[in-house]
Amino acid sequence: MFTAHGRPLTRSGIYKIVRRHASGFDDPRTGRKITPHTFRHTAAVHLLEAGVEVNVIRGWLGHADLSTTNRYAEINTRAKLEALRTCEPPSPAGESRSELIWRSDETLLNWLSSL
């Protein structure tokens, strides 16, 4: 890609273009802004969800250490656990959520954590 003056587009030039076009999508509640890294992160998460091997994603992102790429997998797992918590059935009358039988099933909880 080149600038209007025929020079190669720099990293800061890409950042400015993204900020100019994405500023209307910033989240005022959290203060999070859309940056080029947002696209990079989103692409990595989508590749992971599509079943692409994490080491392939590591190479694509240019991470030297696999533990850096594994953060995307952890984020994905946390999102799954939060989705499961959101879908919990209402508690029967007089029973608190902490008394639900499935919460004490270690095998089930370990399996859910592995997702």
PDB file of N, CA and C in Angstrom:
ATOM      1  N   MET A   1       0.838  -1.169   0.000  1.00  0.00           N
ATOM      2  CA  MET A   1       0.000   0.000   0.000  1.00  0.00           C
ATOM      3  C   MET A   1       0.889   1.240   0.000  1.00  0.00           C
ATOM      4  N   PHE A   2       0.392   2.271  -0.634  1.00  0.00           N
ATOM      5  CA  PHE A   2       1.161   3.497  -0.744  1.00  0.00           C
ATOM      6  C   PHE A   2       0.315   4.684  -0.313  1.00  0.00           C
ATOM      7  N   THR A   3       0.998   5.737   0.109  1.00  0.00           N
ATOM      8  CA  THR A   3       0.314   6.970   0.477  1.00  0.00           C
ATOM      9  C   THR A   3      -0.074   7.714  -0.795  1.00  0.00           C
ATOM     10  N   ALA A   4      -0.766   8.823  -0.627  1.00  0.00           N
ATOM     11  CA  ALA A   4      -1.153   9.650  -1.770  1.00  0.00           C
ATOM     12  C   ALA A   4       0.070  10.225  -2.478  1.00  0.00           C
ATOM     13  N   HIS A   5       1.200  10.276  -1.786  1.00  0.00           N
ATOM     14  CA  HIS A   5       2.442  10.808  -2.357  1.00  0.00           C
ATOM     15  C   HIS A   5       3.314   9.710  -2.947  1.00  0.00           C
ATOM     16  N   GLY A   6       2.812   8.491  -3.014  1.00  0.00           N
ATOM     17  CA  GLY A   6       3.552   7.391  -3.612  1.00  0.00           C
ATOM     18  C   GLY A   6       4.562   6.716  -2.702  1.00  0.00           C
ATOM     19  N   ARG A   7       4.560   7.072  -1.415  1.00  0.00           N
ATOM     20  CA  ARG A   7       5.483   6.449  -0.469  1.00  0.00           C
ATOM     21  C   ARG A   7       4.820   5.237   0.178  1.00  0.00           C
ATOM     22  N   PRO A   8       5.625   4.277   0.626  1.00  0.00           N
ATOM     23  CA  PRO A   8       5.039   3.110   1.315  1.00  0.00           C
ATOM     24  C   PRO A   8       4.286   3.543   2.573  1.00  0.00           C
ATOM     25  N   LEU A   9       3.178   2.905   2.834  1.00  0.00           N
ATOM     26  CA  LEU A   9       2.374   3.200   4.016  1.00  0.00           C
ATOM     27  C   LEU A   9       3.089   2.634   5.242  1.00  0.00           C
ATOM     28  N   THR A  10       3.258   3.446   6.249  1.00  0.00           N
ATOM     29  CA  THR A  10       3.944   3.020   7.467  1.00  0.00           C
ATOM     30  C   THR A  10       2.949   2.478   8.487  1.00  0.00           C
ATOM     31  N   ARG A  11       3.501   1.908   9.544  1.00  0.00           N
ATOM     32  CA  ARG A  11       2.666   1.385  10.620  1.00  0.00           C
ATOM     33  C   ARG A  11       1.833   2.502  11.247  1.00  0.00           C
ATOM     34  N   SER A  12       2.445   3.659  11.455  1.00  0.00           N
ATOM     35  CA  SER A  12       1.699   4.776  12.046  1.00  0.00           C
ATOM     36  C   SER A  12       0.650   5.311  11.069  1.00  0.00           C
ATOM     37  N   GLY A  13       0.929   5.218   9.774  1.00  0.00           N
ATOM     38  CA  GLY A  13      -0.055   5.627   8.773  1.00  0.00           C
ATOM     39  C   GLY A  13      -1.292   4.732   8.813  1.00  0.00           C
ATOM     40  N   ILE A  14      -1.068   3.434   8.962  1.00  0.00           N
ATOM     41  CA  ILE A  14      -2.197   2.494   9.083  1.00  0.00           C
ATOM     42  C   ILE A  14      -2.984   2.800  10.347  1.00  0.00           C
ATOM     43  N   TYR A  15      -2.277   3.053  11.449  1.00  0.00           N
ATOM     44  CA  TYR A  15      -2.937   3.380  12.708  1.00  0.00           C
ATOM     45  C   TYR A  15      -3.844   4.599  12.542  1.00  0.00           C
ATOM     46  N   LYS A  16      -3.330   5.641  11.889  1.00  0.00           N
ATOM     47  CA  LYS A  16      -4.119   6.863  11.694  1.00  0.00           C
ATOM     48  C   LYS A  16      -5.364   6.601  10.849  1.00  0.00           C
ATOM     49  N   ILE A  17      -5.235   5.775   9.820  1.00  0.00           N
ATOM     50  CA  ILE A  17      -6.392   5.454   8.965  1.00  0.00           C
ATOM     51  C   ILE A  17      -7.452   4.709   9.778  1.00  0.00           C
ATOM     52  N   VAL A  18      -7.015   3.718  10.544  1.00  0.00           N
ATOM     53  CA  VAL A  18      -7.961   2.945  11.361  1.00  0.00           C
ATOM     54  C   VAL A  18      -8.635   3.853  12.379  1.00  0.00           C
ATOM     55  N   ARG A  19      -7.881   4.683  13.070  1.00  0.00           N
ATOM     56  CA  ARG A  19      -8.471   5.573  14.077  1.00  0.00           C
ATOM     57  C   ARG A  19      -9.463   6.551  13.445  1.00  0.00           C
ATOM     58  N   ARG A  20      -9.148   7.060  12.271  1.00  0.00           N
ATOM     59  CA  ARG A  20     -10.035   8.012  11.602  1.00  0.00           C
ATOM     60  C   ARG A  20     -11.388   7.362  11.292  1.00  0.00           C
ATOM     61  N   HIS A  21     -11.362   6.136  10.821  1.00  0.00           N
ATOM     62  CA  HIS A  21     -12.594   5.477  10.394  1.00  0.00           C
ATOM     63  C   HIS A  21     -13.304   4.724  11.516  1.00  0.00           C
ATOM     64  N   ALA A  22     -12.599   4.378  12.584  1.00  0.00           N
ATOM     65  CA  ALA A  22     -13.199   3.550  13.627  1.00  0.00           C
ATOM     66  C   ALA A  22     -13.531   4.317  14.899  1.00  0.00           C
ATOM     67  N   SER A  23     -13.212   5.591  14.962  1.00  0.00           N
ATOM     68  CA  SER A  23     -13.424   6.328  16.209  1.00  0.00           C
ATOM     69  C   SER A  23     -14.889   6.339  16.642  1.00  0.00           C
ATOM     70  N   GLY A  24     -15.802   6.243  15.718  1.00  0.00           N
ATOM     71  CA  GLY A  24     -17.227   6.208  16.065  1.00  0.00           C
ATOM     72  C   GLY A  24     -17.655   4.905  16.714  1.00  0.00           C
ATOM     73  N   PHE A  25     -16.779   3.894  16.709  1.00  0.00           N
ATOM     74  CA  PHE A  25     -17.110   2.594  17.287  1.00  0.00           C
ATOM     75  C   PHE A  25     -16.437   2.367  18.640  1.00  0.00           C
ATOM     76  N   ASP A  26     -15.731   3.360  19.155  1.00  0.00           N
ATOM     77  CA  ASP A  26     -15.092   3.232  20.457  1.00  0.00           C
ATOM     78  C   ASP A  26     -16.165   3.051  21.529  1.00  0.00           C
ATOM     79  N   ASP A  27     -15.819   2.307  22.581  1.00  0.00           N
ATOM     80  CA  ASP A  27     -16.763   2.033  23.664  1.00  0.00           C
ATOM     81  C   ASP A  27     -16.589   3.080  24.764  1.00  0.00           C
ATOM     82  N   PRO A  28     -17.551   4.011  24.917  1.00  0.00           N
ATOM     83  CA  PRO A  28     -17.393   5.066  25.925  1.00  0.00           C
ATOM     84  C   PRO A  28     -17.452   4.528  27.358  1.00  0.00           C
ATOM     85  N   ARG A  29     -18.113   3.371  27.556  1.00  0.00           N
ATOM     86  CA  ARG A  29     -18.216   2.804  28.910  1.00  0.00           C
ATOM     87  C   ARG A  29     -16.875   2.298  29.414  1.00  0.00           C
ATOM     88  N   THR A  30     -16.121   1.632  28.544  1.00  0.00           N
ATOM     89  CA  THR A  30     -14.850   1.032  28.961  1.00  0.00           C
ATOM     90  C   THR A  30     -13.650   1.852  28.527  1.00  0.00           C
ATOM     91  N   GLY A  31     -13.851   2.768  27.596  1.00  0.00           N
ATOM     92  CA  GLY A  31     -12.739   3.551  27.081  1.00  0.00           C
ATOM     93  C   GLY A  31     -11.917   2.804  26.043  1.00  0.00           C
ATOM     94  N   ARG A  32     -12.358   1.592  25.658  1.00  0.00           N
ATOM     95  CA  ARG A  32     -11.609   0.804  24.674  1.00  0.00           C
ATOM     96  C   ARG A  32     -11.774   1.412  23.290  1.00  0.00           C
ATOM     97  N   LYS A  33     -10.677   1.441  22.570  1.00  0.00           N
ATOM     98  CA  LYS A  33     -10.663   2.019  21.232  1.00  0.00           C
ATOM     99  C   LYS A  33     -10.357   0.937  20.201  1.00  0.00           C
ATOM    100  N   ILE A  34     -10.840   1.143  18.981  1.00  0.00           N
ATOM    101  CA  ILE A  34     -10.526   0.240  17.876  1.00  0.00           C
ATOM    102  C   ILE A  34      -9.162   0.645  17.329  1.00  0.00           C
ATOM    103  N   THR A  35      -8.247  -0.312  17.281  1.00  0.00           N
ATOM    104  CA  THR A  35      -6.895  -0.072  16.766  1.00  0.00           C
ATOM    105  C   THR A  35      -6.560  -1.191  15.781  1.00  0.00           C
ATOM    106  N   PRO A  36      -5.460  -1.086  15.052  1.00  0.00           N
ATOM    107  CA  PRO A  36      -5.064  -2.198  14.189  1.00  0.00           C
ATOM    108  C   PRO A  36      -4.896  -3.502  14.976  1.00  0.00           C
ATOM    109  N   HIS A  37      -4.474  -3.404  16.240  1.00  0.00           N
ATOM    110  CA  HIS A  37      -4.315  -4.611  17.055  1.00  0.00           C
ATOM    111  C   HIS A  37      -5.664  -5.291  17.295  1.00  0.00           C
ATOM    112  N   THR A  38      -6.752  -4.515  17.346  1.00  0.00           N
ATOM    113  CA  THR A  38      -8.084  -5.091  17.508  1.00  0.00           C
ATOM    114  C   THR A  38      -8.382  -6.057  16.370  1.00  0.00           C
ATOM    115  N   PHE A  39      -8.044  -5.662  15.150  1.00  0.00           N
ATOM    116  CA  PHE A  39      -8.269  -6.536  13.992  1.00  0.00           C
ATOM    117  C   PHE A  39      -7.387  -7.777  14.064  1.00  0.00           C
ATOM    118  N   ARG A  40      -6.155  -7.587  14.488  1.00  0.00           N
ATOM    119  CA  ARG A  40      -5.208  -8.693  14.624  1.00  0.00           C
ATOM    120  C   ARG A  40      -5.710  -9.701  15.657  1.00  0.00           C
ATOM    121  N   HIS A  41      -6.147  -9.184  16.802  1.00  0.00           N
ATOM    122  CA  HIS A  41      -6.660 -10.027  17.874  1.00  0.00           C
ATOM    123  C   HIS A  41      -7.926 -10.766  17.425  1.00  0.00           C
ATOM    124  N   THR A  42      -8.836 -10.041  16.793  1.00  0.00           N
ATOM    125  CA  THR A  42     -10.088 -10.644  16.331  1.00  0.00           C
ATOM    126  C   THR A  42      -9.819 -11.748  15.318  1.00  0.00           C
ATOM    127  N   ALA A  43      -8.911 -11.517  14.393  1.00  0.00           N
ATOM    128  CA  ALA A  43      -8.560 -12.540  13.399  1.00  0.00           C
ATOM    129  C   ALA A  43      -8.003 -13.783  14.086  1.00  0.00           C
ATOM    130  N   ALA A  44      -7.137 -13.592  15.092  1.00  0.00           N
ATOM    131  CA  ALA A  44      -6.559 -14.729  15.804  1.00  0.00           C
ATOM    132  C   ALA A  44      -7.626 -15.534  16.531  1.00  0.00           C
ATOM    133  N   VAL A  45      -8.566 -14.865  17.177  1.00  0.00           N
ATOM    134  CA  VAL A  45      -9.635 -15.562  17.895  1.00  0.00           C
ATOM    135  C   VAL A  45     -10.517 -16.322  16.911  1.00  0.00           C
ATOM    136  N   HIS A  46     -10.846 -15.713  15.777  1.00  0.00           N
ATOM    137  CA  HIS A  46     -11.669 -16.398  14.777  1.00  0.00           C
ATOM    138  C   HIS A  46     -10.942 -17.619  14.211  1.00  0.00           C
ATOM    139  N   LEU A  47      -9.640 -17.506  13.970  1.00  0.00           N
ATOM    140  CA  LEU A  47      -8.874 -18.656  13.489  1.00  0.00           C
ATOM    141  C   LEU A  47      -8.891 -19.776  14.520  1.00  0.00           C
ATOM    142  N   LEU A  48      -8.722 -19.424  15.785  1.00  0.00           N
ATOM    143  CA  LEU A  48      -8.747 -20.412  16.863  1.00  0.00           C
ATOM    144  C   LEU A  48     -10.109 -21.094  16.938  1.00  0.00           C
ATOM    145  N   GLU A  49     -11.179 -20.313  16.877  1.00  0.00           N
ATOM    146  CA  GLU A  49     -12.534 -20.871  16.920  1.00  0.00           C
ATOM    147  C   GLU A  49     -12.830 -21.738  15.710  1.00  0.00           C
ATOM    148  N   ALA A  50     -12.168 -21.469  14.586  1.00  0.00           N
ATOM    149  CA  ALA A  50     -12.375 -22.265  13.375  1.00  0.00           C
ATOM    150  C   ALA A  50     -11.562 -23.557  13.407  1.00  0.00           C
ATOM    151  N   GLY A  51     -10.778 -23.747  14.475  1.00  0.00           N
ATOM    152  CA  GLY A  51     -10.040 -24.989  14.607  1.00  0.00           C
ATOM    153  C   GLY A  51      -8.625 -24.959  14.068  1.00  0.00           C
ATOM    154  N   VAL A  52      -8.121 -23.788  13.728  1.00  0.00           N
ATOM    155  CA  VAL A  52      -6.747 -23.685  13.240  1.00  0.00           C
ATOM    156  C   VAL A  52      -5.808 -23.956  14.413  1.00  0.00           C
ATOM    157  N   GLU A  53      -4.793 -24.764  14.183  1.00  0.00           N
ATOM    158  CA  GLU A  53      -3.810 -25.118  15.210  1.00  0.00           C
ATOM    159  C   GLU A  53      -3.166 -23.851  15.764  1.00  0.00           C
ATOM    160  N   VAL A  54      -3.035 -23.788  17.090  1.00  0.00           N
ATOM    161  CA  VAL A  54      -2.518 -22.594  17.755  1.00  0.00           C
ATOM    162  C   VAL A  54      -1.085 -22.269  17.311  1.00  0.00           C
ATOM    163  N   ASN A  55      -0.300 -23.284  16.955  1.00  0.00           N
ATOM    164  CA  ASN A  55       1.067 -23.027  16.497  1.00  0.00           C
ATOM    165  C   ASN A  55       1.073 -22.355  15.115  1.00  0.00           C
ATOM    166  N   VAL A  56       0.084 -22.661  14.291  1.00  0.00           N
ATOM    167  CA  VAL A  56      -0.053 -21.994  12.991  1.00  0.00           C
ATOM    168  C   VAL A  56      -0.410 -20.523  13.213  1.00  0.00           C
ATOM    169  N   ILE A  57      -1.310 -20.273  14.159  1.00  0.00           N
ATOM    170  CA  ILE A  57      -1.695 -18.901  14.486  1.00  0.00           C
ATOM    171  C   ILE A  57      -0.487 -18.143  15.037  1.00  0.00           C
ATOM    172  N   ARG A  58       0.319 -18.811  15.872  1.00  0.00           N
ATOM    173  CA  ARG A  58       1.536 -18.198  16.414  1.00  0.00           C
ATOM    174  C   ARG A  58       2.446 -17.724  15.282  1.00  0.00           C
ATOM    175  N   GLY A  59       2.638 -18.585  14.293  1.00  0.00           N
ATOM    176  CA  GLY A  59       3.484 -18.212  13.164  1.00  0.00           C
ATOM    177  C   GLY A  59       2.897 -17.077  12.351  1.00  0.00           C
ATOM    178  N   TRP A  60       1.597 -17.103  12.162  1.00  0.00           N
ATOM    179  CA  TRP A  60       0.922 -16.060  11.389  1.00  0.00           C
ATOM    180  C   TRP A  60       1.031 -14.706  12.085  1.00  0.00           C
ATOM    181  N   LEU A  61       0.916 -14.725  13.427  1.00  0.00           N
ATOM    182  CA  LEU A  61       1.008 -13.475  14.190  1.00  0.00           C
ATOM    183  C   LEU A  61       2.446 -13.026  14.386  1.00  0.00           C
ATOM    184  N   GLY A  62       3.396 -13.934  14.185  1.00  0.00           N
ATOM    185  CA  GLY A  62       4.799 -13.599  14.369  1.00  0.00           C
ATOM    186  C   GLY A  62       5.240 -13.626  15.818  1.00  0.00           C
ATOM    187  N   HIS A  63       4.506 -14.361  16.655  1.00  0.00           N
ATOM    188  CA  HIS A  63       4.910 -14.475  18.056  1.00  0.00           C
ATOM    189  C   HIS A  63       6.095 -15.423  18.174  1.00  0.00           C
ATOM    190  N   ALA A  64       7.103 -15.030  18.920  1.00  0.00           N
ATOM    191  CA  ALA A  64       8.262 -15.893  19.137  1.00  0.00           C
ATOM    192  C   ALA A  64       7.946 -16.975  20.150  1.00  0.00           C
ATOM    193  N   ASP A  65       7.080 -16.654  21.105  1.00  0.00           N
ATOM    194  CA  ASP A  65       6.757 -17.577  22.186  1.00  0.00           C
ATOM    195  C   ASP A  65       5.299 -18.011  22.090  1.00  0.00           C
ATOM    196  N   LEU A  66       5.065 -19.309  22.154  1.00  0.00           N
ATOM    197  CA  LEU A  66       3.708 -19.850  22.049  1.00  0.00           C
ATOM    198  C   LEU A  66       2.821 -19.388  23.207  1.00  0.00           C
ATOM    199  N   SER A  67       3.404 -19.086  24.359  1.00  0.00           N
ATOM    200  CA  SER A  67       2.598 -18.646  25.506  1.00  0.00           C
ATOM    201  C   SER A  67       1.892 -17.321  25.206  1.00  0.00           C
ATOM    202  N   THR A  68       2.484 -16.493  24.365  1.00  0.00           N
ATOM    203  CA  THR A  68       1.826 -15.240  23.968  1.00  0.00           C
ATOM    204  C   THR A  68       0.554 -15.543  23.190  1.00  0.00           C
ATOM    205  N   THR A  69       0.632 -16.489  22.274  1.00  0.00           N
ATOM    206  CA  THR A  69      -0.531 -16.859  21.469  1.00  0.00           C
ATOM    207  C   THR A  69      -1.572 -17.574  22.322  1.00  0.00           C
ATOM    208  N   ASN A  70      -1.129 -18.319  23.328  1.00  0.00           N
ATOM    209  CA  ASN A  70      -2.064 -19.058  24.186  1.00  0.00           C
ATOM    210  C   ASN A  70      -2.997 -18.140  24.961  1.00  0.00           C
ATOM    211  N   ARG A  71      -2.640 -16.864  25.088  1.00  0.00           N
ATOM    212  CA  ARG A  71      -3.553 -15.913  25.747  1.00  0.00           C
ATOM    213  C   ARG A  71      -4.885 -15.840  25.005  1.00  0.00           C
ATOM    214  N   TYR A  72      -4.838 -15.963  23.684  1.00  0.00           N
ATOM    215  CA  TYR A  72      -6.078 -15.932  22.908  1.00  0.00           C
ATOM    216  C   TYR A  72      -6.950 -17.132  23.264  1.00  0.00           C
ATOM    217  N   ALA A  73      -6.338 -18.286  23.482  1.00  0.00           N
ATOM    218  CA  ALA A  73      -7.081 -19.484  23.859  1.00  0.00           C
ATOM    219  C   ALA A  73      -7.707 -19.304  25.237  1.00  0.00           C
ATOM    220  N   GLU A  74      -6.979 -18.679  26.174  1.00  0.00           N
ATOM    221  CA  GLU A  74      -7.518 -18.437  27.508  1.00  0.00           C
ATOM    222  C   GLU A  74      -8.707 -17.494  27.451  1.00  0.00           C
ATOM    223  N   ILE A  75      -8.600 -16.456  26.653  1.00  0.00           N
ATOM    224  CA  ILE A  75      -9.704 -15.510  26.503  1.00  0.00           C
ATOM    225  C   ILE A  75     -10.924 -16.237  25.946  1.00  0.00           C
ATOM    226  N   ASN A  76     -10.704 -17.100  24.990  1.00  0.00           N
ATOM    227  CA  ASN A  76     -11.780 -17.860  24.387  1.00  0.00           C
ATOM    228  C   ASN A  76     -12.448 -18.765  25.421  1.00  0.00           C
ATOM    229  N   THR A  77     -11.658 -19.403  26.286  1.00  0.00           N
ATOM    230  CA  THR A  77     -12.202 -20.273  27.331  1.00  0.00           C
ATOM    231  C   THR A  77     -13.010 -19.468  28.325  1.00  0.00           C
ATOM    232  N   ARG A  78     -12.501 -18.305  28.722  1.00  0.00           N
ATOM    233  CA  ARG A  78     -13.255 -17.465  29.647  1.00  0.00           C
ATOM    234  C   ARG A  78     -14.594 -17.048  29.054  1.00  0.00           C
ATOM    235  N   ALA A  79     -14.612 -16.738  27.766  1.00  0.00           N
ATOM    236  CA  ALA A  79     -15.861 -16.351  27.113  1.00  0.00           C
ATOM    237  C   ALA A  79     -16.854 -17.512  27.125  1.00  0.00           C
ATOM    238  N   LYS A  80     -16.367 -18.725  26.917  1.00  0.00           N
ATOM    239  CA  LYS A  80     -17.244 -19.902  26.956  1.00  0.00           C
ATOM    240  C   LYS A  80     -17.819 -20.107  28.353  1.00  0.00           C
ATOM    241  N   LEU A  81     -16.975 -19.992  29.376  1.00  0.00           N
ATOM    242  CA  LEU A  81     -17.460 -20.168  30.746  1.00  0.00           C
ATOM    243  C   LEU A  81     -18.502 -19.112  31.106  1.00  0.00           C
ATOM    244  N   GLU A  82     -18.269 -17.878  30.684  1.00  0.00           N
ATOM    245  CA  GLU A  82     -19.230 -16.810  30.950  1.00  0.00           C
ATOM    246  C   GLU A  82     -20.551 -17.094  30.240  1.00  0.00           C
ATOM    247  N   ALA A  83     -20.478 -17.611  29.024  1.00  0.00           N
ATOM    248  CA  ALA A  83     -21.704 -17.961  28.297  1.00  0.00           C
ATOM    249  C   ALA A  83     -22.458 -19.061  29.025  1.00  0.00           C
ATOM    250  N   LEU A  84     -21.743 -20.039  29.568  1.00  0.00           N
ATOM    251  CA  LEU A  84     -22.401 -21.105  30.327  1.00  0.00           C
ATOM    252  C   LEU A  84     -23.064 -20.550  31.578  1.00  0.00           C
ATOM    253  N   ARG A  85     -22.395 -19.636  32.262  1.00  0.00           N
ATOM    254  CA  ARG A  85     -22.985 -19.042  33.471  1.00  0.00           C
ATOM    255  C   ARG A  85     -24.254 -18.257  33.136  1.00  0.00           C
ATOM    256  N   THR A  86     -24.248 -17.602  32.002  1.00  0.00           N
ATOM    257  CA  THR A  86     -25.409 -16.828  31.578  1.00  0.00           C
ATOM    258  C   THR A  86     -26.609 -17.729  31.318  1.00  0.00           C
ATOM    259  N   CYS A  87     -26.339 -18.960  30.895  1.00  0.00           N
ATOM    260  CA  CYS A  87     -27.418 -19.892  30.524  1.00  0.00           C
ATOM    261  C   CYS A  87     -27.864 -20.791  31.670  1.00  0.00           C
ATOM    262  N   GLU A  88     -27.384 -20.545  32.879  1.00  0.00           N
ATOM    263  CA  GLU A  88     -27.794 -21.381  34.009  1.00  0.00           C
ATOM    264  C   GLU A  88     -29.301 -21.293  34.188  1.00  0.00           C
ATOM    265  N   PRO A  89     -29.930 -22.431  34.462  1.00  0.00           N
ATOM    266  CA  PRO A  89     -31.379 -22.394  34.709  1.00  0.00           C
ATOM    267  C   PRO A  89     -31.661 -21.705  36.036  1.00  0.00           C
ATOM    268  N   PRO A  90     -32.843 -21.136  36.176  1.00  0.00           N
ATOM    269  CA  PRO A  90     -33.178 -20.502  37.455  1.00  0.00           C
ATOM    270  C   PRO A  90     -33.173 -21.547  38.572  1.00  0.00           C
ATOM    271  N   SER A  91     -32.843 -21.116  39.772  1.00  0.00           N
ATOM    272  CA  SER A  91     -32.812 -22.026  40.919  1.00  0.00           C
ATOM    273  C   SER A  91     -34.226 -22.398  41.320  1.00  0.00           C
ATOM    274  N   PRO A  92     -34.429 -23.653  41.741  1.00  0.00           N
ATOM    275  CA  PRO A  92     -35.742 -24.025  42.286  1.00  0.00           C
ATOM    276  C   PRO A  92     -36.031 -23.204  43.540  1.00  0.00           C
ATOM    277  N   ALA A  93     -37.292 -23.065  43.879  1.00  0.00           N
ATOM    278  CA  ALA A  93     -37.690 -22.254  45.030  1.00  0.00           C
ATOM    279  C   ALA A  93     -36.962 -22.727  46.289  1.00  0.00           C
ATOM    280  N   GLY A  94     -36.378 -21.767  46.990  1.00  0.00           N
ATOM    281  CA  GLY A  94     -35.716 -22.083  48.245  1.00  0.00           C
ATOM    282  C   GLY A  94     -34.309 -22.634  48.104  1.00  0.00           C
ATOM    283  N   GLU A  95     -33.806 -22.813  46.903  1.00  0.00           N
ATOM    284  CA  GLU A  95     -32.468 -23.365  46.700  1.00  0.00           C
ATOM    285  C   GLU A  95     -31.568 -22.281  46.102  1.00  0.00           C
ATOM    286  N   SER A  96     -30.456 -22.043  46.739  1.00  0.00           N
ATOM    287  CA  SER A  96     -29.563 -21.024  46.195  1.00  0.00           C
ATOM    288  C   SER A  96     -28.746 -21.619  45.054  1.00  0.00           C
ATOM    289  N   ARG A  97     -28.199 -20.766  44.201  1.00  0.00           N
ATOM    290  CA  ARG A  97     -27.406 -21.240  43.064  1.00  0.00           C
ATOM    291  C   ARG A  97     -26.234 -22.112  43.517  1.00  0.00           C
ATOM    292  N   SER A  98     -25.655 -21.794  44.665  1.00  0.00           N
ATOM    293  CA  SER A  98     -24.499 -22.564  45.128  1.00  0.00           C
ATOM    294  C   SER A  98     -24.875 -23.979  45.541  1.00  0.00           C
ATOM    295  N   GLU A  99     -26.168 -24.241  45.727  1.00  0.00           N
ATOM    296  CA  GLU A  99     -26.608 -25.582  46.126  1.00  0.00           C
ATOM    297  C   GLU A  99     -26.980 -26.460  44.938  1.00  0.00           C
ATOM    298  N   LEU A 100     -26.858 -25.949  43.722  1.00  0.00           N
ATOM    299  CA  LEU A 100     -27.202 -26.756  42.558  1.00  0.00           C
ATOM    300  C   LEU A 100     -26.295 -27.979  42.493  1.00  0.00           C
ATOM    301  N   ILE A 101     -26.869 -29.134  42.230  1.00  0.00           N
ATOM    302  CA  ILE A 101     -26.157 -30.409  42.272  1.00  0.00           C
ATOM    303  C   ILE A 101     -24.983 -30.436  41.297  1.00  0.00           C
ATOM    304  N   TRP A 102     -25.167 -29.924  40.090  1.00  0.00           N
ATOM    305  CA  TRP A 102     -24.101 -30.037  39.093  1.00  0.00           C
ATOM    306  C   TRP A 102     -22.854 -29.278  39.495  1.00  0.00           C
ATOM    307  N   ARG A 103     -22.993 -28.277  40.359  1.00  0.00           N
ATOM    308  CA  ARG A 103     -21.821 -27.513  40.793  1.00  0.00           C
ATOM    309  C   ARG A 103     -20.876 -28.337  41.661  1.00  0.00           C
ATOM    310  N   SER A 104     -21.345 -29.442  42.214  1.00  0.00           N
ATOM    311  CA  SER A 104     -20.479 -30.283  43.043  1.00  0.00           C
ATOM    312  C   SER A 104     -19.953 -31.496  42.274  1.00  0.00           C
ATOM    313  N   ASP A 105     -20.291 -31.614  41.007  1.00  0.00           N
ATOM    314  CA  ASP A 105     -19.833 -32.731  40.177  1.00  0.00           C
ATOM    315  C   ASP A 105     -18.464 -32.385  39.591  1.00  0.00           C
ATOM    316  N   GLU A 106     -17.391 -32.856  40.243  1.00  0.00           N
ATOM    317  CA  GLU A 106     -16.025 -32.519  39.833  1.00  0.00           C
ATOM    318  C   GLU A 106     -15.722 -32.925  38.389  1.00  0.00           C
ATOM    319  N   THR A 107     -16.215 -34.092  37.968  1.00  0.00           N
ATOM    320  CA  THR A 107     -15.964 -34.564  36.607  1.00  0.00           C
ATOM    321  C   THR A 107     -16.555 -33.586  35.598  1.00  0.00           C
ATOM    322  N   LEU A 108     -17.783 -33.181  35.826  1.00  0.00           N
ATOM    323  CA  LEU A 108     -18.446 -32.237  34.923  1.00  0.00           C
ATOM    324  C   LEU A 108     -17.738 -30.886  34.934  1.00  0.00           C
ATOM    325  N   LEU A 109     -17.384 -30.398  36.112  1.00  0.00           N
ATOM    326  CA  LEU A 109     -16.708 -29.105  36.202  1.00  0.00           C
ATOM    327  C   LEU A 109     -15.340 -29.136  35.520  1.00  0.00           C
ATOM    328  N   ASN A 110     -14.612 -30.218  35.660  1.00  0.00           N
ATOM    329  CA  ASN A 110     -13.315 -30.336  34.980  1.00  0.00           C
ATOM    330  C   ASN A 110     -13.502 -30.353  33.464  1.00  0.00           C
ATOM    331  N   TRP A 111     -14.538 -31.060  33.011  1.00  0.00           N
ATOM    332  CA  TRP A 111     -14.805 -31.104  31.568  1.00  0.00           C
ATOM    333  C   TRP A 111     -15.167 -29.712  31.051  1.00  0.00           C
ATOM    334  N   LEU A 112     -16.020 -28.998  31.787  1.00  0.00           N
ATOM    335  CA  LEU A 112     -16.406 -27.654  31.358  1.00  0.00           C
ATOM    336  C   LEU A 112     -15.199 -26.716  31.332  1.00  0.00           C
ATOM    337  N   SER A 113     -14.311 -26.864  32.302  1.00  0.00           N
ATOM    338  CA  SER A 113     -13.109 -26.031  32.339  1.00  0.00           C
ATOM    339  C   SER A 113     -12.180 -26.319  31.182  1.00  0.00           C
ATOM    340  N   SER A 114     -12.235 -27.538  30.662  1.00  0.00           N
ATOM    341  CA  SER A 114     -11.343 -27.911  29.560  1.00  0.00           C
ATOM    342  C   SER A 114     -11.824 -27.400  28.206  1.00  0.00           C
ATOM    343  N   LEU A 115     -13.056 -26.926  28.133  1.00  0.00           N
ATOM    344  CA  LEU A 115     -13.598 -26.440  26.863  1.00  0.00           C
ATOM    345  C   LEU A 115     -12.908 -25.196  26.390  1.00  0.00           C
TER     346      LEU A 115
END
